[in-house]
PDB file of N, CA and C in Angstrom:
ATOM      1  N   MET A   1      12.834  20.095 -22.404  1.00  0.00           N
ATOM      2  CA  MET A   1      12.449  20.470 -21.065  1.00  0.00           C
ATOM      3  C   MET A   1      10.974  20.843 -21.064  1.00  0.00           C
ATOM      4  N   ALA A   2      10.379  20.856 -19.905  1.00  0.00           N
ATOM      5  CA  ALA A   2       8.949  21.093 -19.782  1.00  0.00           C
ATOM      6  C   ALA A   2       8.528  22.442 -20.357  1.00  0.00           C
ATOM      7  N   ASP A   3       9.403  23.439 -20.281  1.00  0.00           N
ATOM      8  CA  ASP A   3       9.056  24.770 -20.792  1.00  0.00           C
ATOM      9  C   ASP A   3       9.332  24.925 -22.281  1.00  0.00           C
ATOM     10  N   GLY A   4       9.756  23.840 -22.928  1.00  0.00           N
ATOM     11  CA  GLY A   4      10.048  23.881 -24.352  1.00  0.00           C
ATOM     12  C   GLY A   4      11.484  24.223 -24.672  1.00  0.00           C
ATOM     13  N   GLY A   5      12.263  24.610 -23.666  1.00  0.00           N
ATOM     14  CA  GLY A   5      13.669  24.929 -23.881  1.00  0.00           C
ATOM     15  C   GLY A   5      14.488  23.674 -24.116  1.00  0.00           C
ATOM     16  N   ARG A   6      15.682  23.875 -24.627  1.00  0.00           N
ATOM     17  CA  ARG A   6      16.583  22.751 -24.891  1.00  0.00           C
ATOM     18  C   ARG A   6      17.948  23.046 -24.301  1.00  0.00           C
ATOM     19  N   ILE A   7      18.543  21.998 -23.743  1.00  0.00           N
ATOM     20  CA  ILE A   7      19.911  22.086 -23.240  1.00  0.00           C
ATOM     21  C   ILE A   7      20.669  20.900 -23.800  1.00  0.00           C
ATOM     22  N   ALA A   8      21.807  21.185 -24.418  1.00  0.00           N
ATOM     23  CA  ALA A   8      22.675  20.117 -24.919  1.00  0.00           C
ATOM     24  C   ALA A   8      23.813  19.952 -23.923  1.00  0.00           C
ATOM     25  N   ALA A   9      23.931  18.738 -23.371  1.00  0.00           N
ATOM     26  CA  ALA A   9      24.986  18.460 -22.394  1.00  0.00           C
ATOM     27  C   ALA A   9      25.445  17.024 -22.559  1.00  0.00           C
ATOM     28  N   SER A  10      26.734  16.803 -22.342  1.00  0.00           N
ATOM     29  CA  SER A  10      27.290  15.464 -22.517  1.00  0.00           C
ATOM     30  C   SER A  10      27.162  14.606 -21.265  1.00  0.00           C
ATOM     31  N   ASP A  11      26.901  15.233 -20.114  1.00  0.00           N
ATOM     32  CA  ASP A  11      26.744  14.474 -18.872  1.00  0.00           C
ATOM     33  C   ASP A  11      25.983  15.325 -17.856  1.00  0.00           C
ATOM     34  N   PRO A  12      25.550  14.726 -16.742  1.00  0.00           N
ATOM     35  CA  PRO A  12      24.765  15.476 -15.758  1.00  0.00           C
ATOM     36  C   PRO A  12      25.473  16.705 -15.193  1.00  0.00           C
ATOM     37  N   SER A  13      26.774  16.638 -14.985  1.00  0.00           N
ATOM     38  CA  SER A  13      27.497  17.806 -14.459  1.00  0.00           C
ATOM     39  C   SER A  13      27.439  18.974 -15.431  1.00  0.00           C
ATOM     40  N   GLU A  14      27.612  18.679 -16.702  1.00  0.00           N
ATOM     41  CA  GLU A  14      27.519  19.744 -17.706  1.00  0.00           C
ATOM     42  C   GLU A  14      26.095  20.279 -17.784  1.00  0.00           C
ATOM     43  N   PHE A  15      25.099  19.405 -17.655  1.00  0.00           N
ATOM     44  CA  PHE A  15      23.707  19.836 -17.659  1.00  0.00           C
ATOM     45  C   PHE A  15      23.463  20.859 -16.546  1.00  0.00           C
ATOM     46  N   VAL A  16      23.924  20.547 -15.330  1.00  0.00           N
ATOM     47  CA  VAL A  16      23.739  21.461 -14.198  1.00  0.00           C
ATOM     48  C   VAL A  16      24.448  22.785 -14.467  1.00  0.00           C
ATOM     49  N   ARG A  17      25.671  22.732 -14.975  1.00  0.00           N
ATOM     50  CA  ARG A  17      26.429  23.953 -15.252  1.00  0.00           C
ATOM     51  C   ARG A  17      25.704  24.829 -16.265  1.00  0.00           C
ATOM     52  N   VAL A  18      25.231  24.230 -17.359  1.00  0.00           N
ATOM     53  CA  VAL A  18      24.550  24.996 -18.406  1.00  0.00           C
ATOM     54  C   VAL A  18      23.229  25.561 -17.878  1.00  0.00           C
ATOM     55  N   LEU A  19      22.501  24.764 -17.107  1.00  0.00           N
ATOM     56  CA  LEU A  19      21.251  25.236 -16.520  1.00  0.00           C
ATOM     57  C   LEU A  19      21.518  26.420 -15.587  1.00  0.00           C
ATOM     58  N   ARG A  20      22.559  26.307 -14.747  1.00  0.00           N
ATOM     59  CA  ARG A  20      22.926  27.386 -13.814  1.00  0.00           C
ATOM     60  C   ARG A  20      23.328  28.649 -14.566  1.00  0.00           C
ATOM     61  N   GLU A  21      24.145  28.499 -15.600  1.00  0.00           N
ATOM     62  CA  GLU A  21      24.613  29.669 -16.350  1.00  0.00           C
ATOM     63  C   GLU A  21      23.470  30.430 -17.001  1.00  0.00           C
ATOM     64  N   GLY A  22      22.383  29.741 -17.309  1.00  0.00           N
ATOM     65  CA  GLY A  22      21.224  30.392 -17.911  1.00  0.00           C
ATOM     66  C   GLY A  22      20.192  30.870 -16.902  1.00  0.00           C
ATOM     67  N   SER A  23      20.475  30.688 -15.625  1.00  0.00           N
ATOM     68  CA  SER A  23      19.518  31.024 -14.576  1.00  0.00           C
ATOM     69  C   SER A  23      19.419  32.529 -14.357  1.00  0.00           C
ATOM     70  N   TRP A  24      18.213  33.009 -14.167  1.00  0.00           N
ATOM     71  CA  TRP A  24      17.994  34.409 -13.819  1.00  0.00           C
ATOM     72  C   TRP A  24      18.319  34.643 -12.354  1.00  0.00           C
ATOM     73  N   PHE A  25      18.209  33.589 -11.538  1.00  0.00           N
ATOM     74  CA  PHE A  25      18.347  33.730 -10.091  1.00  0.00           C
ATOM     75  C   PHE A  25      19.747  33.414  -9.581  1.00  0.00           C
ATOM     76  N   ASP A  26      20.367  32.381 -10.120  1.00  0.00           N
ATOM     77  CA  ASP A  26      21.550  31.806  -9.483  1.00  0.00           C
ATOM     78  C   ASP A  26      22.742  31.614 -10.409  1.00  0.00           C
ATOM     79  N   SER A  27      22.895  32.429 -11.421  1.00  0.00           N
ATOM     80  CA  SER A  27      23.985  32.204 -12.372  1.00  0.00           C
ATOM     81  C   SER A  27      25.363  32.393 -11.744  1.00  0.00           C
ATOM     82  N   GLU A  28      25.452  33.121 -10.641  1.00  0.00           N
ATOM     83  CA  GLU A  28      26.744  33.375 -10.000  1.00  0.00           C
ATOM     84  C   GLU A  28      27.080  32.365  -8.901  1.00  0.00           C
ATOM     85  N   CYS A  29      26.182  31.441  -8.610  1.00  0.00           N
ATOM     86  CA  CYS A  29      26.407  30.420  -7.580  1.00  0.00           C
ATOM     87  C   CYS A  29      27.332  29.324  -8.103  1.00  0.00           C
ATOM     88  N   THR A  30      27.761  28.466  -7.186  1.00  0.00           N
ATOM     89  CA  THR A  30      28.415  27.223  -7.610  1.00  0.00           C
ATOM     90  C   THR A  30      27.327  26.285  -8.118  1.00  0.00           C
ATOM     91  N   ASP A  31      27.725  25.237  -8.797  1.00  0.00           N
ATOM     92  CA  ASP A  31      26.745  24.258  -9.272  1.00  0.00           C
ATOM     93  C   ASP A  31      25.997  23.624  -8.098  1.00  0.00           C
ATOM     94  N   GLY A  32      26.711  23.334  -7.011  1.00  0.00           N
ATOM     95  CA  GLY A  32      26.073  22.748  -5.833  1.00  0.00           C
ATOM     96  C   GLY A  32      25.044  23.677  -5.211  1.00  0.00           C
ATOM     97  N   GLU A  33      25.400  24.947  -5.073  1.00  0.00           N
ATOM     98  CA  GLU A  33      24.458  25.938  -4.540  1.00  0.00           C
ATOM     99  C   GLU A  33      23.254  26.069  -5.461  1.00  0.00           C
ATOM    100  N   TYR A  34      23.504  26.039  -6.758  1.00  0.00           N
ATOM    101  CA  TYR A  34      22.413  26.148  -7.719  1.00  0.00           C
ATOM    102  C   TYR A  34      21.423  24.998  -7.547  1.00  0.00           C
ATOM    103  N   MET A  35      21.936  23.772  -7.433  1.00  0.00           N
ATOM    104  CA  MET A  35      21.042  22.616  -7.281  1.00  0.00           C
ATOM    105  C   MET A  35      20.183  22.759  -6.026  1.00  0.00           C
ATOM    106  N   VAL A  36      20.775  23.191  -4.914  1.00  0.00           N
ATOM    107  CA  VAL A  36      20.029  23.363  -3.664  1.00  0.00           C
ATOM    108  C   VAL A  36      18.961  24.442  -3.828  1.00  0.00           C
ATOM    109  N   ASN A  37      19.321  25.572  -4.405  1.00  0.00           N
ATOM    110  CA  ASN A  37      18.367  26.670  -4.598  1.00  0.00           C
ATOM    111  C   ASN A  37      17.245  26.268  -5.544  1.00  0.00           C
ATOM    112  N   PHE A  38      17.599  25.611  -6.649  1.00  0.00           N
ATOM    113  CA  PHE A  38      16.599  25.164  -7.615  1.00  0.00           C
ATOM    114  C   PHE A  38      15.651  24.171  -6.957  1.00  0.00           C
ATOM    115  N   SER A  39      16.214  23.221  -6.210  1.00  0.00           N
ATOM    116  CA  SER A  39      15.400  22.211  -5.545  1.00  0.00           C
ATOM    117  C   SER A  39      14.397  22.857  -4.592  1.00  0.00           C
ATOM    118  N   GLY A  40      14.831  23.872  -3.861  1.00  0.00           N
ATOM    119  CA  GLY A  40      13.925  24.573  -2.954  1.00  0.00           C
ATOM    120  C   GLY A  40      12.778  25.246  -3.684  1.00  0.00           C
ATOM    121  N   ARG A  41      13.093  25.923  -4.777  1.00  0.00           N
ATOM    122  CA  ARG A  41      12.036  26.571  -5.571  1.00  0.00           C
ATOM    123  C   ARG A  41      11.099  25.533  -6.171  1.00  0.00           C
ATOM    124  N   TYR A  42      11.663  24.429  -6.667  1.00  0.00           N
ATOM    125  CA  TYR A  42      10.850  23.384  -7.293  1.00  0.00           C
ATOM    126  C   TYR A  42       9.922  22.745  -6.260  1.00  0.00           C
ATOM    127  N   ARG A  43      10.422  22.530  -5.043  1.00  0.00           N
ATOM    128  CA  ARG A  43       9.604  21.954  -3.967  1.00  0.00           C
ATOM    129  C   ARG A  43       8.440  22.887  -3.632  1.00  0.00           C
ATOM    130  N   GLU A  44       8.706  24.197  -3.562  1.00  0.00           N
ATOM    131  CA  GLU A  44       7.640  25.160  -3.270  1.00  0.00           C
ATOM    132  C   GLU A  44       6.562  25.147  -4.344  1.00  0.00           C
ATOM    133  N   LEU A  45       6.972  25.039  -5.589  1.00  0.00           N
ATOM    134  CA  LEU A  45       6.021  25.082  -6.701  1.00  0.00           C
ATOM    135  C   LEU A  45       5.295  23.764  -6.939  1.00  0.00           C
ATOM    136  N   HIS A  46       5.998  22.638  -6.752  1.00  0.00           N
ATOM    137  CA  HIS A  46       5.451  21.345  -7.171  1.00  0.00           C
ATOM    138  C   HIS A  46       5.278  20.334  -6.045  1.00  0.00           C
ATOM    139  N   GLY A  47       5.765  20.645  -4.852  1.00  0.00           N
ATOM    140  CA  GLY A  47       5.574  19.761  -3.714  1.00  0.00           C
ATOM    141  C   GLY A  47       6.400  18.490  -3.725  1.00  0.00           C
ATOM    142  N   VAL A  48       7.469  18.467  -4.498  1.00  0.00           N
ATOM    143  CA  VAL A  48       8.354  17.300  -4.550  1.00  0.00           C
ATOM    144  C   VAL A  48       9.785  17.755  -4.296  1.00  0.00           C
ATOM    145  N   THR A  49      10.600  16.830  -3.815  1.00  0.00           N
ATOM    146  CA  THR A  49      11.987  17.150  -3.504  1.00  0.00           C
ATOM    147  C   THR A  49      12.913  16.580  -4.564  1.00  0.00           C
ATOM    148  N   VAL A  50      13.719  17.439  -5.145  1.00  0.00           N
ATOM    149  CA  VAL A  50      14.741  17.046  -6.111  1.00  0.00           C
ATOM    150  C   VAL A  50      16.043  16.876  -5.335  1.00  0.00           C
ATOM    151  N   ARG A  51      16.646  15.702  -5.449  1.00  0.00           N
ATOM    152  CA  ARG A  51      17.901  15.440  -4.731  1.00  0.00           C
ATOM    153  C   ARG A  51      19.016  16.343  -5.253  1.00  0.00           C
ATOM    154  N   THR A  52      19.894  16.742  -4.342  1.00  0.00           N
ATOM    155  CA  THR A  52      20.972  17.666  -4.689  1.00  0.00           C
ATOM    156  C   THR A  52      22.346  17.133  -4.312  1.00  0.00           C
ATOM    157  N   ASP A  53      22.434  15.861  -3.953  1.00  0.00           N
ATOM    158  CA  ASP A  53      23.709  15.294  -3.506  1.00  0.00           C
ATOM    159  C   ASP A  53      24.665  14.993  -4.643  1.00  0.00           C
ATOM    160  N   ALA A  54      24.148  14.885  -5.870  1.00  0.00           N
ATOM    161  CA  ALA A  54      24.987  14.605  -7.040  1.00  0.00           C
ATOM    162  C   ALA A  54      24.256  15.064  -8.294  1.00  0.00           C
ATOM    163  N   PRO A  55      24.984  15.580  -9.287  1.00  0.00           N
ATOM    164  CA  PRO A  55      24.333  15.998 -10.532  1.00  0.00           C
ATOM    165  C   PRO A  55      23.506  14.877 -11.169  1.00  0.00           C
ATOM    166  N   GLU A  56      23.968  13.631 -11.045  1.00  0.00           N
ATOM    167  CA  GLU A  56      23.234  12.503 -11.627  1.00  0.00           C
ATOM    168  C   GLU A  56      21.866  12.345 -10.969  1.00  0.00           C
ATOM    169  N   HIS A  57      21.813  12.453  -9.644  1.00  0.00           N
ATOM    170  CA  HIS A  57      20.542  12.328  -8.930  1.00  0.00           C
ATOM    171  C   HIS A  57      19.634  13.516  -9.227  1.00  0.00           C
ATOM    172  N   PHE A  58      20.213  14.704  -9.290  1.00  0.00           N
ATOM    173  CA  PHE A  58      19.467  15.919  -9.619  1.00  0.00           C
ATOM    174  C   PHE A  58      18.786  15.754 -10.978  1.00  0.00           C
ATOM    175  N   MET A  59      19.555  15.326 -11.961  1.00  0.00           N
ATOM    176  CA  MET A  59      19.025  15.150 -13.309  1.00  0.00           C
ATOM    177  C   MET A  59      17.994  14.018 -13.351  1.00  0.00           C
ATOM    178  N   ASP A  60      18.261  12.911 -12.671  1.00  0.00           N
ATOM    179  CA  ASP A  60      17.299  11.799 -12.618  1.00  0.00           C
ATOM    180  C   ASP A  60      15.962  12.262 -12.053  1.00  0.00           C
ATOM    181  N   ASP A  61      16.001  13.049 -10.978  1.00  0.00           N
ATOM    182  CA  ASP A  61      14.757  13.523 -10.375  1.00  0.00           C
ATOM    183  C   ASP A  61      14.031  14.511 -11.281  1.00  0.00           C
ATOM    184  N   LEU A  62      14.766  15.361 -11.975  1.00  0.00           N
ATOM    185  CA  LEU A  62      14.109  16.288 -12.904  1.00  0.00           C
ATOM    186  C   LEU A  62      13.426  15.532 -14.037  1.00  0.00           C
ATOM    187  N   LYS A  63      14.003  14.422 -14.457  1.00  0.00           N
ATOM    188  CA  LYS A  63      13.342  13.561 -15.448  1.00  0.00           C
ATOM    189  C   LYS A  63      12.100  12.924 -14.836  1.00  0.00           C
ATOM    190  N   LYS A  64      12.257  12.375 -13.642  1.00  0.00           N
ATOM    191  CA  LYS A  64      11.170  11.683 -12.940  1.00  0.00           C
ATOM    192  C   LYS A  64       9.959  12.593 -12.754  1.00  0.00           C
ATOM    193  N   TYR A  65      10.202  13.860 -12.433  1.00  0.00           N
ATOM    194  CA  TYR A  65       9.112  14.791 -12.154  1.00  0.00           C
ATOM    195  C   TYR A  65       8.662  15.594 -13.374  1.00  0.00           C
ATOM    196  N   GLY A  66       9.211  15.277 -14.549  1.00  0.00           N
ATOM    197  CA  GLY A  66       8.722  15.869 -15.786  1.00  0.00           C
ATOM    198  C   GLY A  66       9.332  17.195 -16.187  1.00  0.00           C
ATOM    199  N   TYR A  67      10.345  17.668 -15.451  1.00  0.00           N
ATOM    200  CA  TYR A  67      10.997  18.919 -15.847  1.00  0.00           C
ATOM    201  C   TYR A  67      11.827  18.710 -17.102  1.00  0.00           C
ATOM    202  N   ILE A  68      12.488  17.554 -17.183  1.00  0.00           N
ATOM    203  CA  ILE A  68      13.243  17.172 -18.380  1.00  0.00           C
ATOM    204  C   ILE A  68      12.393  16.172 -19.143  1.00  0.00           C
ATOM    205  N   THR A  69      12.161  16.461 -20.399  1.00  0.00           N
ATOM    206  CA  THR A  69      11.384  15.557 -21.246  1.00  0.00           C
ATOM    207  C   THR A  69      12.228  15.136 -22.437  1.00  0.00           C
ATOM    208  N   GLY A  70      11.824  14.048 -23.039  1.00  0.00           N
ATOM    209  CA  GLY A  70      12.506  13.592 -24.251  1.00  0.00           C
ATOM    210  C   GLY A  70      13.682  12.702 -24.023  1.00  0.00           C
TER     211      GLY A  70
END
């Protein structure tokens, strides 16, 4: 990940769950709520919109915008 952290996940849904569980802001949300909240914060910081309609699209956009590396 861009911050140097690592997440091991077998699929996009697990990636979202693990990311949410480690969140300082939204660990108690559902995965869907987490994606929406994360996308809003990411848009404010970086000026791009991360799709939240499916974990696959969420993960694809995070790769596209450089949040997920490797």
